[in-house]
Amino acid sequence: MDDTSRAVGIVPVEGRGSLPFALLDGEPLVAVASWALGEADVELLDFTTAWVDVQARAAAVVVHDPLCPGTPPEFLTRAVEAADGTVVVGIRPVTDTVKRVEDGVVGETVDRDGLFVVASPVVLPAAVVAALPELPSLEDLAALVALLREGHEVTYLEAPPEARRVADESDLLLLQHLAD
């Protein structure tokens, strides 16, 4: 990372329903994700911090989705280090079968080799933070990445399996199994 300032982090909960407050090992997912940022030496920001104050820090901003609570701190650190002038996005390969649908009719299978899902984190280097007039919406990280791709270089970093996104509480069982 080209900045000497310590990276700062955000764990967004808006637009995610109550799932960020579901428990993993007795702790809310939002707390697990916040602790991972701390272990990665990323300073957690309060959501009341004004964007202009974030920009004044001249530091990278790490967006860590609480729905990817198993993301290891080592991976978060690696993503921050890789954000040397480029936005870095944690991704996972698509493993489900994907079909094309046209006019309501299921068609051919899509080749998964070029497909991925956005996981966590999304790291904005200080130069990108400075260029953004305001904090973009963090409700949908895939939409955030699409927005960032319009004017910034984006690097994709494959996240480990335990960094997978949870869609509902039943996914927490799989995540727990991966952690064990």
Protein backbone atom coordinates (compact mmCIF):
# COMPACT_ATOMS: atom_id res chain seq x y z
CA MET A 1 0.00 0.00 0.00
CA ASP A 2 1.42 3.39 -0.92
CA ASP A 3 0.02 5.14 2.15
CA THR A 4 1.88 5.34 5.43
CA SER A 5 -1.39 5.96 7.31
CA ARG A 6 -3.10 3.06 9.01
CA ALA A 7 -6.09 1.77 7.03
CA VAL A 8 -9.53 2.45 8.44
CA GLY A 9 -12.47 0.08 8.21
CA ILE A 10 -16.23 0.03 7.96
CA VAL A 11 -18.55 -2.89 8.74
CA PRO A 12 -21.84 -1.92 7.07
CA VAL A 13 -25.12 -3.35 8.33
CA GLU A 14 -27.69 -1.35 6.32
CA GLY A 15 -29.60 -3.30 3.69
CA ARG A 16 -28.70 -6.66 5.25
CA GLY A 17 -31.75 -7.17 7.44
CA SER A 18 -31.17 -8.74 10.84
CA LEU A 19 -28.57 -11.26 9.61
CA PRO A 20 -25.55 -9.17 10.76
CA PHE A 21 -26.84 -9.70 14.30
CA ALA A 22 -27.18 -13.49 14.02
CA LEU A 23 -24.77 -15.39 16.24
CA LEU A 24 -21.64 -17.27 15.23
CA ASP A 25 -19.96 -18.96 18.19
CA GLY A 26 -22.18 -16.86 20.44
CA GLU A 27 -21.14 -13.54 18.88
CA PRO A 28 -23.03 -11.33 16.40
CA LEU A 29 -21.62 -11.47 12.86
CA VAL A 30 -21.06 -7.70 12.93
CA ALA A 31 -18.84 -8.10 16.01
CA VAL A 32 -16.91 -11.01 14.47
CA ALA A 33 -16.24 -8.93 11.33
CA SER A 34 -15.24 -5.90 13.43
CA TRP A 35 -12.78 -7.96 15.49
CA ALA A 36 -11.23 -9.36 12.30
CA LEU A 37 -10.53 -5.80 11.14
CA GLY A 38 -8.84 -5.06 14.46
CA GLU A 39 -6.70 -8.19 14.19
CA ALA A 40 -5.73 -7.06 10.68
CA ASP A 41 -4.51 -3.75 12.19
CA VAL A 42 -7.34 -1.79 10.55
CA GLU A 43 -8.87 0.95 12.69
CA LEU A 44 -12.66 0.58 12.86
CA LEU A 45 -14.53 3.78 11.99
CA ASP A 46 -17.69 4.95 13.65
CA PHE A 47 -20.54 5.40 11.16
CA THR A 48 -21.00 8.96 12.43
CA THR A 49 -17.58 9.94 11.02
CA ALA A 50 -18.06 12.52 8.29
CA TRP A 51 -16.73 11.53 4.84
CA VAL A 52 -14.58 14.67 4.70
CA ASP A 53 -12.93 13.54 7.96
CA VAL A 54 -12.30 10.09 6.49
CA GLN A 55 -10.72 11.70 3.43
CA ALA A 56 -8.53 13.91 5.63
CA ARG A 57 -6.91 10.82 7.13
CA ALA A 58 -5.32 10.00 3.73
CA ALA A 59 -5.71 6.30 4.44
CA ALA A 60 -7.17 3.30 2.66
CA VAL A 61 -10.76 2.41 3.58
CA VAL A 62 -11.57 -1.27 4.09
CA VAL A 63 -15.24 -2.25 3.69
CA HIS A 64 -15.72 -5.58 5.45
CA ASP A 65 -19.17 -7.08 4.99
CA PRO A 66 -20.50 -8.69 8.19
CA LEU A 67 -22.15 -11.33 5.96
CA CYS A 68 -18.60 -12.61 5.28
CA PRO A 69 -17.70 -12.97 8.97
CA GLY A 70 -15.26 -15.84 8.46
CA THR A 71 -12.86 -13.73 6.40
CA PRO A 72 -9.50 -14.31 8.07
CA PRO A 73 -7.59 -11.26 9.34
CA GLU A 74 -4.59 -12.42 7.30
CA PHE A 75 -6.64 -12.14 4.11
CA LEU A 76 -7.84 -8.66 5.10
CA THR A 77 -4.20 -7.65 5.66
CA ARG A 78 -3.20 -9.09 2.28
CA ALA A 79 -6.00 -7.14 0.57
CA VAL A 80 -4.92 -3.88 2.23
CA GLU A 81 -1.31 -4.49 1.18
CA ALA A 82 -2.43 -5.19 -2.41
CA ALA A 83 -4.34 -1.88 -2.59
CA ASP A 84 -1.35 0.03 -3.93
CA GLY A 85 -3.22 2.52 -6.09
CA THR A 86 -5.91 0.03 -7.10
CA VAL A 87 -9.24 -0.95 -5.57
CA VAL A 88 -8.96 -4.51 -4.23
CA VAL A 89 -12.02 -6.78 -4.10
CA GLY A 90 -12.24 -10.14 -2.35
CA ILE A 91 -14.04 -12.66 -4.54
CA ARG A 92 -15.13 -16.30 -4.43
CA PRO A 93 -15.56 -18.55 -7.48
CA VAL A 94 -19.09 -19.50 -8.49
CA THR A 95 -19.67 -23.19 -7.76
CA ASP A 96 -23.41 -23.42 -8.46
CA THR A 97 -24.76 -24.35 -11.87
CA VAL A 98 -25.84 -21.21 -13.71
CA LYS A 99 -28.43 -21.33 -16.50
CA ARG A 100 -29.53 -18.72 -19.01
CA VAL A 101 -33.20 -17.80 -18.93
CA GLU A 102 -34.89 -16.22 -21.92
CA ASP A 103 -38.57 -15.33 -22.00
CA GLY A 104 -39.10 -17.44 -18.89
CA VAL A 105 -37.56 -20.56 -20.46
CA VAL A 106 -34.48 -22.13 -18.88
CA GLY A 107 -31.76 -22.55 -21.47
CA GLU A 108 -28.11 -23.49 -21.72
CA THR A 109 -25.64 -23.76 -18.85
CA VAL A 110 -23.26 -20.84 -18.45
CA ASP A 111 -19.53 -21.59 -18.21
CA ARG A 112 -18.55 -20.77 -14.61
CA ASP A 113 -14.84 -20.25 -15.35
CA GLY A 114 -15.26 -16.48 -15.74
CA LEU A 115 -17.82 -16.05 -12.96
CA PHE A 116 -17.24 -14.97 -9.39
CA VAL A 117 -19.17 -13.50 -6.48
CA VAL A 118 -18.02 -10.46 -4.56
CA ALA A 119 -17.07 -11.43 -1.03
CA SER A 120 -15.13 -9.28 1.40
CA PRO A 121 -13.31 -6.95 1.66
CA VAL A 122 -13.47 -4.08 -0.77
CA VAL A 123 -10.41 -1.89 -0.18
CA LEU A 124 -10.37 1.68 -1.45
CA PRO A 125 -6.85 3.11 -1.60
CA ALA A 126 -6.40 6.64 -0.23
CA ALA A 127 -6.34 8.18 -3.73
CA VAL A 128 -9.75 6.67 -4.53
CA VAL A 129 -11.13 7.81 -1.16
CA ALA A 130 -9.92 11.34 -1.92
CA ALA A 131 -11.54 11.27 -5.37
CA LEU A 132 -15.00 10.19 -4.18
CA PRO A 133 -17.27 13.15 -3.37
CA GLU A 134 -19.12 11.06 -0.79
CA LEU A 135 -19.16 7.57 0.63
CA PRO A 136 -20.98 5.39 -1.93
CA SER A 137 -23.80 3.14 -0.80
CA LEU A 138 -22.49 0.04 0.95
CA GLU A 139 -25.77 -1.91 0.88
CA ASP A 140 -24.68 -4.04 -2.09
CA LEU A 141 -20.95 -4.66 -2.48
CA ALA A 142 -21.34 -5.96 -6.05
CA ALA A 143 -23.03 -2.66 -7.00
CA LEU A 144 -20.23 -0.78 -5.20
CA VAL A 145 -17.63 -2.66 -7.25
CA ALA A 146 -19.51 -1.91 -10.48
CA LEU A 147 -19.54 1.79 -9.55
CA LEU A 148 -15.83 1.79 -8.70
CA ARG A 149 -14.92 0.02 -11.96
CA GLU A 150 -16.29 2.99 -13.90
CA GLY A 151 -13.37 5.23 -12.96
CA HIS A 152 -10.80 3.19 -11.10
CA GLU A 153 -8.58 0.19 -11.63
CA VAL A 154 -9.89 -2.87 -9.76
CA THR A 155 -7.88 -5.93 -8.73
CA TYR A 156 -9.66 -9.13 -7.74
CA LEU A 157 -8.20 -11.29 -4.99
CA GLU A 158 -9.57 -14.79 -4.45
CA ALA A 159 -10.75 -15.11 -0.87
CA PRO A 160 -10.40 -18.35 1.10
CA PRO A 161 -13.45 -20.63 1.47
CA GLU A 162 -14.18 -19.47 5.01
CA ALA A 163 -14.69 -15.93 3.63
CA ARG A 164 -17.87 -17.02 1.82
CA ARG A 165 -20.97 -14.90 2.16
CA VAL A 166 -23.83 -16.14 4.29
CA ALA A 167 -27.31 -15.72 2.83
CA ASP A 168 -29.27 -16.95 5.84
CA GLU A 169 -28.79 -18.51 9.25
CA SER A 170 -28.49 -22.04 7.81
CA ASP A 171 -25.26 -20.91 6.09
CA LEU A 172 -23.78 -20.29 9.51
CA LEU A 173 -23.59 -24.06 10.06
CA LEU A 174 -21.41 -24.46 6.98
CA LEU A 175 -19.28 -21.50 8.00
CA GLN A 176 -18.83 -22.99 11.46
CA HIS A 177 -17.78 -26.29 9.88
CA LEU A 178 -15.21 -24.49 7.68
CA ALA A 179 -13.84 -22.70 10.76
CA ASP A 180 -13.47 -25.98 12.64
